[in-house]
Amino acid sequence: MSDATQHGDPLGRIAAALERIAPGPVEAPDFSRAGAFVWHVSPDRLVPVNEVNRIGIELLVGIDRARDILLENTLQFAKGFPANNALLWGARGMGKSSLVKAVHAAVQEDGHDLKIVEIQREDLPSVGRLLGLLRDAGARFLLFCDDLSFSHDDHHYKSLKAVLDGGIEGRPDNVIFYATSNRRHLMPRDMIENERSTAILPSEAVEEKVSLSDRFGLWLGFHPCSQDEYLAMIRGYCTAYGIKIDEDTLHAEAIEWQATRGARSGRVAWQYFIDLAGRKGARMSVS
């Protein structure tokens, strides 16, 4: 401790206090401990996830084109070849986040040591620190943000540009970014139209925000499923988990279930299957 601090100098005491409370640089975890991590802030840290909440890629029905494109892109990246950041957008409950996690598992099963790191939308301002940590790690990383969207006064989108464009340093070669969103342009349509109609230069009013989605090399759209696809999803779950039920009963129950929910999607299909498995006395993971 300095003489100024010992003799009660206010500036010295403040400096000493700041030294005590200022967080030191975050240390990289042992990336060999797990294949998945979650990024937390305050303090910055990467927490390993030993068991990821996901289903097998073979159970994702009705999204074959998106599945094949994303899997091929991810394999290219895992092998060290050029690959695009990806935005998975569209209807709720149609397997966007499930596909990202399933593709990651499929790539790992193919023998590639690809790590997945999840970051929350509200933590995007810290993404520069995270990229600095991943840049020096001897592994390849899929950085994943689920349910990404921005409101009128939300400036987190500026932080996202560090991932998509990279600034002066550039995005690390060992990091790729996948995001899911219900919105193609990551913001409400009425907000886009409002800014366009009230601006002096309408064509430039929303360009900065709308162009953010253009920075994703891959756009994969997810649309509401048909009834046949909905029933095929449930039948696939039954086959995979060994649940016996005759076709007529399954159709009647599944259609009634979707009617009570007022929606038809992959999520609704899974929820019906969980109810069915419980009634059949099946023991299984419901994550």
Protein backbone atom coordinates (compact mmCIF):
# COMPACT_ATOMS: atom_id res chain seq x y z
CA MET A 1 0.00 0.00 0.00
CA SER A 2 1.32 3.46 -0.90
CA ASP A 3 2.14 6.20 1.62
CA ALA A 4 -0.69 8.33 0.21
CA THR A 5 -3.21 5.59 0.91
CA GLN A 6 -1.81 4.93 4.40
CA HIS A 7 -2.12 8.63 5.32
CA GLY A 8 -5.72 8.89 4.23
CA ASP A 9 -5.38 10.45 0.77
CA PRO A 10 -8.93 10.19 -0.75
CA LEU A 11 -7.68 9.55 -4.28
CA GLY A 12 -5.37 6.86 -3.01
CA ARG A 13 -8.17 5.12 -1.15
CA ILE A 14 -10.39 5.25 -4.25
CA ALA A 15 -7.64 3.80 -6.42
CA ALA A 16 -7.02 1.01 -3.93
CA ALA A 17 -10.74 0.22 -3.78
CA LEU A 18 -10.99 0.06 -7.55
CA GLU A 19 -8.07 -2.33 -7.68
CA ARG A 20 -9.84 -4.62 -5.23
CA ILE A 21 -13.20 -4.68 -7.02
CA ALA A 22 -12.01 -4.62 -10.64
CA PRO A 23 -12.31 -8.13 -12.11
CA GLY A 24 -9.12 -9.63 -13.42
CA PRO A 25 -8.90 -11.01 -16.94
CA VAL A 26 -11.04 -14.12 -17.37
CA GLU A 27 -9.11 -17.36 -17.67
CA ALA A 28 -9.96 -19.80 -20.44
CA PRO A 29 -11.52 -22.99 -19.11
CA ASP A 30 -10.27 -26.46 -19.89
CA PHE A 31 -12.07 -26.89 -23.22
CA SER A 32 -11.38 -30.63 -23.15
CA ARG A 33 -13.84 -30.97 -20.24
CA ALA A 34 -16.95 -30.59 -22.40
CA GLY A 35 -18.25 -30.03 -25.91
CA ALA A 36 -20.60 -27.23 -24.89
CA PHE A 37 -20.31 -24.06 -22.79
CA VAL A 38 -22.53 -21.18 -21.70
CA TRP A 39 -21.13 -17.65 -21.52
CA HIS A 40 -21.97 -15.67 -18.38
CA VAL A 41 -21.00 -12.15 -17.36
CA SER A 42 -20.53 -10.37 -14.01
CA PRO A 43 -18.04 -11.94 -13.74
CA ASP A 44 -17.10 -13.19 -17.20
CA ARG A 45 -16.87 -16.96 -17.34
CA LEU A 46 -17.49 -19.96 -19.58
CA VAL A 47 -19.44 -22.68 -17.79
CA PRO A 48 -19.16 -26.23 -19.20
CA VAL A 49 -22.37 -28.11 -20.03
CA ASN A 50 -21.95 -31.85 -19.63
CA GLU A 51 -25.30 -32.85 -21.13
CA VAL A 52 -26.85 -30.65 -23.83
CA ASN A 53 -30.63 -30.34 -24.07
CA ARG A 54 -31.27 -31.69 -27.59
CA ILE A 55 -32.82 -34.39 -29.75
CA GLY A 56 -31.27 -36.43 -32.56
CA ILE A 57 -31.08 -34.91 -36.01
CA GLU A 58 -32.97 -37.89 -37.43
CA LEU A 59 -36.06 -36.86 -35.42
CA LEU A 60 -36.32 -33.44 -37.07
CA VAL A 61 -39.00 -33.96 -39.72
CA GLY A 62 -40.17 -31.52 -42.38
CA ILE A 63 -37.04 -29.32 -42.43
CA ASP A 64 -34.88 -31.46 -44.68
CA ARG A 65 -33.51 -28.63 -46.85
CA ALA A 66 -32.52 -26.44 -43.89
CA ARG A 67 -31.04 -29.48 -42.14
CA ASP A 68 -28.87 -30.47 -45.10
CA ILE A 69 -27.63 -26.92 -45.78
CA LEU A 70 -26.77 -26.19 -42.15
CA LEU A 71 -25.10 -29.55 -41.64
CA GLU A 72 -22.93 -29.11 -44.72
CA ASN A 73 -21.97 -25.56 -43.71
CA THR A 74 -21.06 -26.70 -40.20
CA LEU A 75 -19.01 -29.63 -41.47
CA GLN A 76 -17.06 -27.27 -43.75
CA PHE A 77 -16.26 -25.07 -40.78
CA ALA A 78 -15.35 -27.99 -38.51
CA LYS A 79 -12.90 -29.23 -41.17
CA GLY A 80 -11.22 -25.82 -41.32
CA PHE A 81 -12.75 -24.67 -44.60
CA PRO A 82 -14.65 -21.40 -45.25
CA ALA A 83 -18.23 -21.32 -43.97
CA ASN A 84 -20.99 -18.76 -43.43
CA ASN A 85 -22.65 -17.38 -40.34
CA ALA A 86 -26.28 -18.51 -40.33
CA LEU A 87 -29.63 -16.97 -39.38
CA LEU A 88 -32.47 -19.45 -38.82
CA TRP A 89 -35.71 -17.47 -38.88
CA GLY A 90 -39.42 -18.14 -39.07
CA ALA A 91 -42.34 -19.85 -37.36
CA ARG A 92 -42.20 -20.58 -33.64
CA GLY A 93 -41.68 -24.16 -32.54
CA MET A 94 -40.47 -25.45 -35.90
CA GLY A 95 -37.09 -26.69 -34.69
CA LYS A 96 -34.70 -23.79 -35.29
CA SER A 97 -32.74 -24.08 -32.05
CA SER A 98 -33.18 -27.87 -32.03
CA LEU A 99 -31.56 -28.03 -35.46
CA VAL A 100 -28.52 -26.01 -34.38
CA LYS A 101 -27.92 -28.29 -31.40
CA ALA A 102 -28.64 -31.45 -33.41
CA VAL A 103 -26.22 -30.40 -36.17
CA HIS A 104 -23.53 -29.72 -33.57
CA ALA A 105 -24.02 -33.24 -32.17
CA ALA A 106 -23.93 -34.77 -35.66
CA VAL A 107 -20.65 -33.02 -36.47
CA GLN A 108 -19.13 -34.23 -33.23
CA GLU A 109 -20.29 -37.78 -33.96
CA ASP A 110 -18.56 -37.47 -37.33
CA GLY A 111 -15.28 -37.11 -35.44
CA HIS A 112 -14.78 -33.34 -35.40
CA ASP A 113 -13.91 -31.53 -32.17
CA LEU A 114 -16.35 -28.62 -32.55
CA LYS A 115 -17.42 -26.77 -29.39
CA ILE A 116 -20.72 -24.92 -29.05
CA VAL A 117 -20.91 -21.77 -26.91
CA GLU A 118 -24.29 -20.23 -26.10
CA ILE A 119 -24.55 -16.48 -25.48
CA GLN A 120 -27.72 -14.69 -24.34
CA ARG A 121 -28.98 -11.72 -26.35
CA GLU A 122 -28.65 -9.41 -23.34
CA ASP A 123 -24.97 -10.37 -23.03
CA LEU A 124 -24.06 -9.36 -26.60
CA PRO A 125 -22.22 -6.22 -25.39
CA SER A 126 -19.64 -8.57 -23.88
CA VAL A 127 -19.11 -10.51 -27.11
CA GLY A 128 -15.82 -8.77 -27.84
CA ARG A 129 -14.35 -10.14 -24.63
CA LEU A 130 -15.68 -13.60 -25.44
CA LEU A 131 -14.20 -13.54 -28.94
CA GLY A 132 -10.85 -12.53 -27.47
CA LEU A 133 -10.99 -15.56 -25.22
CA LEU A 134 -11.97 -17.97 -28.01
CA ARG A 135 -9.46 -16.53 -30.48
CA ASP A 136 -6.52 -17.95 -28.57
CA ALA A 137 -8.07 -21.33 -27.80
CA GLY A 138 -6.89 -24.37 -29.69
CA ALA A 139 -10.37 -25.41 -30.81
CA ARG A 140 -13.15 -24.43 -33.21
CA PHE A 141 -16.32 -22.85 -31.85
CA LEU A 142 -19.93 -22.50 -32.91
CA LEU A 143 -21.21 -19.38 -31.14
CA PHE A 144 -24.98 -19.67 -30.73
CA CYS A 145 -27.60 -17.06 -29.78
CA ASP A 146 -31.19 -18.27 -29.48
CA ASP A 147 -34.28 -16.12 -30.02
CA LEU A 148 -32.39 -13.08 -31.27
CA SER A 149 -34.37 -9.88 -31.87
CA PHE A 150 -34.10 -6.15 -31.23
CA SER A 151 -36.53 -3.42 -30.21
CA HIS A 152 -36.61 0.26 -31.18
CA ASP A 153 -34.26 1.51 -28.44
CA ASP A 154 -32.07 -1.59 -28.31
CA HIS A 155 -28.45 -0.96 -29.28
CA HIS A 156 -27.22 -4.49 -28.66
CA TYR A 157 -27.26 -5.03 -32.43
CA LYS A 158 -24.11 -2.92 -32.66
CA SER A 159 -22.27 -5.49 -30.56
CA LEU A 160 -23.40 -8.22 -32.92
CA LYS A 161 -21.48 -6.59 -35.74
CA ALA A 162 -18.28 -7.59 -33.92
CA VAL A 163 -19.24 -11.19 -34.62
CA LEU A 164 -20.53 -10.74 -38.16
CA ASP A 165 -18.02 -8.17 -39.44
CA GLY A 166 -15.27 -8.39 -36.86
CA GLY A 167 -14.13 -4.76 -36.87
CA ILE A 168 -10.41 -4.13 -37.19
CA GLU A 169 -9.36 -7.48 -35.71
CA GLY A 170 -11.79 -9.50 -37.77
CA ARG A 171 -13.85 -12.41 -36.55
CA PRO A 172 -11.58 -15.20 -35.33
CA ASP A 173 -11.07 -17.90 -37.94
CA ASN A 174 -12.01 -20.50 -35.35
CA VAL A 175 -15.46 -19.00 -34.57
CA ILE A 176 -18.73 -19.16 -36.53
CA PHE A 177 -22.01 -17.58 -35.43
CA TYR A 178 -25.52 -19.10 -35.65
CA ALA A 179 -28.65 -17.30 -34.46
CA THR A 180 -32.35 -18.11 -34.39
CA SER A 181 -35.14 -15.57 -34.59
CA ASN A 182 -38.86 -15.36 -35.27
CA ARG A 183 -38.11 -12.25 -37.36
CA ARG A 184 -36.34 -12.24 -40.69
CA HIS A 185 -34.92 -8.75 -40.11
CA LEU A 186 -34.47 -9.22 -36.33
CA MET A 187 -36.96 -6.45 -35.45
CA PRO A 188 -40.74 -5.89 -35.59
CA ARG A 189 -42.13 -4.94 -39.00
CA ASP A 190 -44.18 -2.09 -37.53
CA MET A 191 -40.99 -0.56 -36.12
CA ILE A 192 -39.32 -0.74 -39.53
CA GLU A 193 -42.30 0.93 -41.22
CA ASN A 194 -42.56 3.61 -38.53
CA GLU A 195 -38.90 4.61 -38.84
CA ARG A 196 -39.16 4.62 -42.63
CA SER A 197 -42.28 6.84 -42.66
CA THR A 198 -40.98 9.44 -40.18
CA ALA A 199 -37.39 9.79 -41.37
CA ILE A 200 -36.04 12.62 -43.52
CA LEU A 201 -34.23 10.03 -45.63
CA PRO A 202 -36.53 6.97 -45.52
CA SER A 203 -34.15 4.74 -47.46
CA GLU A 204 -31.42 5.29 -44.86
CA ALA A 205 -33.60 5.34 -41.72
CA VAL A 206 -33.51 1.64 -41.03
CA GLU A 207 -30.66 0.55 -43.26
CA GLU A 208 -28.21 0.07 -40.38
CA LYS A 209 -30.53 -2.23 -38.45
CA VAL A 210 -32.19 -4.06 -41.34
CA SER A 211 -28.84 -4.66 -43.03
CA LEU A 212 -27.71 -6.54 -39.94
CA SER A 213 -29.56 -9.64 -41.11
CA ASP A 214 -27.92 -9.25 -44.53
CA ARG A 215 -24.58 -9.88 -42.87
CA PHE A 216 -25.53 -13.53 -42.32
CA GLY A 217 -24.30 -15.57 -45.26
CA LEU A 218 -27.04 -18.17 -44.77
CA TRP A 219 -30.74 -17.39 -44.30
CA LEU A 220 -32.76 -20.50 -43.53
CA GLY A 221 -36.54 -20.02 -43.35
CA PHE A 222 -38.84 -22.17 -41.20
CA HIS A 223 -42.55 -22.24 -42.00
CA PRO A 224 -45.61 -23.78 -40.29
CA CYS A 225 -45.85 -27.51 -40.90
CA SER A 226 -48.67 -29.36 -42.63
CA GLN A 227 -50.85 -31.84 -40.80
CA ASP A 228 -49.09 -34.75 -42.51
CA GLU A 229 -45.70 -33.42 -41.34
CA TYR A 230 -47.05 -32.89 -37.83
CA LEU A 231 -48.27 -36.50 -37.65
CA ALA A 232 -45.02 -37.77 -39.18
CA MET A 233 -43.07 -36.01 -36.41
CA ILE A 234 -45.09 -37.78 -33.74
CA ARG A 235 -44.83 -41.15 -35.47
CA GLY A 236 -41.05 -40.66 -35.69
CA TYR A 237 -40.86 -39.99 -31.94
CA CYS A 238 -42.95 -43.09 -31.22
CA THR A 239 -40.69 -45.25 -33.37
CA ALA A 240 -37.50 -43.83 -31.87
CA TYR A 241 -38.64 -44.34 -28.28
CA GLY A 242 -40.55 -47.59 -28.76
CA ILE A 243 -44.04 -46.26 -27.97
CA LYS A 244 -46.81 -48.52 -29.31
CA ILE A 245 -50.05 -46.92 -30.48
CA ASP A 246 -52.35 -47.73 -33.39
CA GLU A 247 -52.50 -45.26 -36.25
CA ASP A 248 -56.18 -44.26 -35.87
CA THR A 249 -55.79 -43.48 -32.17
CA LEU A 250 -52.61 -41.51 -32.75
CA HIS A 251 -54.25 -39.43 -35.49
CA ALA A 252 -57.36 -38.69 -33.45
CA GLU A 253 -55.46 -37.76 -30.28
CA ALA A 254 -52.78 -35.74 -32.04
CA ILE A 255 -55.28 -33.71 -34.05
CA GLU A 256 -57.36 -33.03 -30.94
CA TRP A 257 -54.18 -31.98 -29.10
CA GLN A 258 -53.25 -29.46 -31.80
CA ALA A 259 -56.80 -28.11 -31.81
CA THR A 260 -56.69 -27.42 -28.07
CA ARG A 261 -53.36 -25.64 -28.49
CA GLY A 262 -54.55 -23.59 -31.45
CA ALA A 263 -51.29 -24.33 -33.26
CA ARG A 264 -49.46 -27.01 -35.19
CA SER A 265 -45.67 -27.17 -34.99
CA GLY A 266 -42.77 -29.40 -34.08
CA ARG A 267 -42.97 -28.15 -30.50
CA VAL A 268 -46.66 -29.06 -30.25
CA ALA A 269 -45.90 -32.49 -31.72
CA TRP A 270 -43.21 -33.07 -29.07
CA GLN A 271 -45.53 -31.92 -26.28
CA TYR A 272 -48.22 -34.37 -27.40
CA PHE A 273 -45.63 -37.14 -27.57
CA ILE A 274 -44.44 -36.40 -24.03
CA ASP A 275 -48.05 -36.67 -22.81
CA LEU A 276 -48.47 -39.94 -24.73
CA ALA A 277 -45.21 -41.39 -23.38
CA GLY A 278 -46.27 -40.51 -19.84
CA ARG A 279 -49.64 -42.23 -20.27
CA LYS A 280 -47.88 -45.29 -21.68
CA GLY A 281 -45.58 -45.44 -18.66
CA ALA A 282 -42.42 -44.93 -20.70
CA ARG A 283 -39.29 -43.74 -18.92
CA MET A 284 -37.27 -41.27 -20.96
CA SER A 285 -35.51 -37.94 -20.85
CA VAL A 286 -37.98 -35.13 -21.52
CA SER A 287 -35.39 -32.40 -22.05
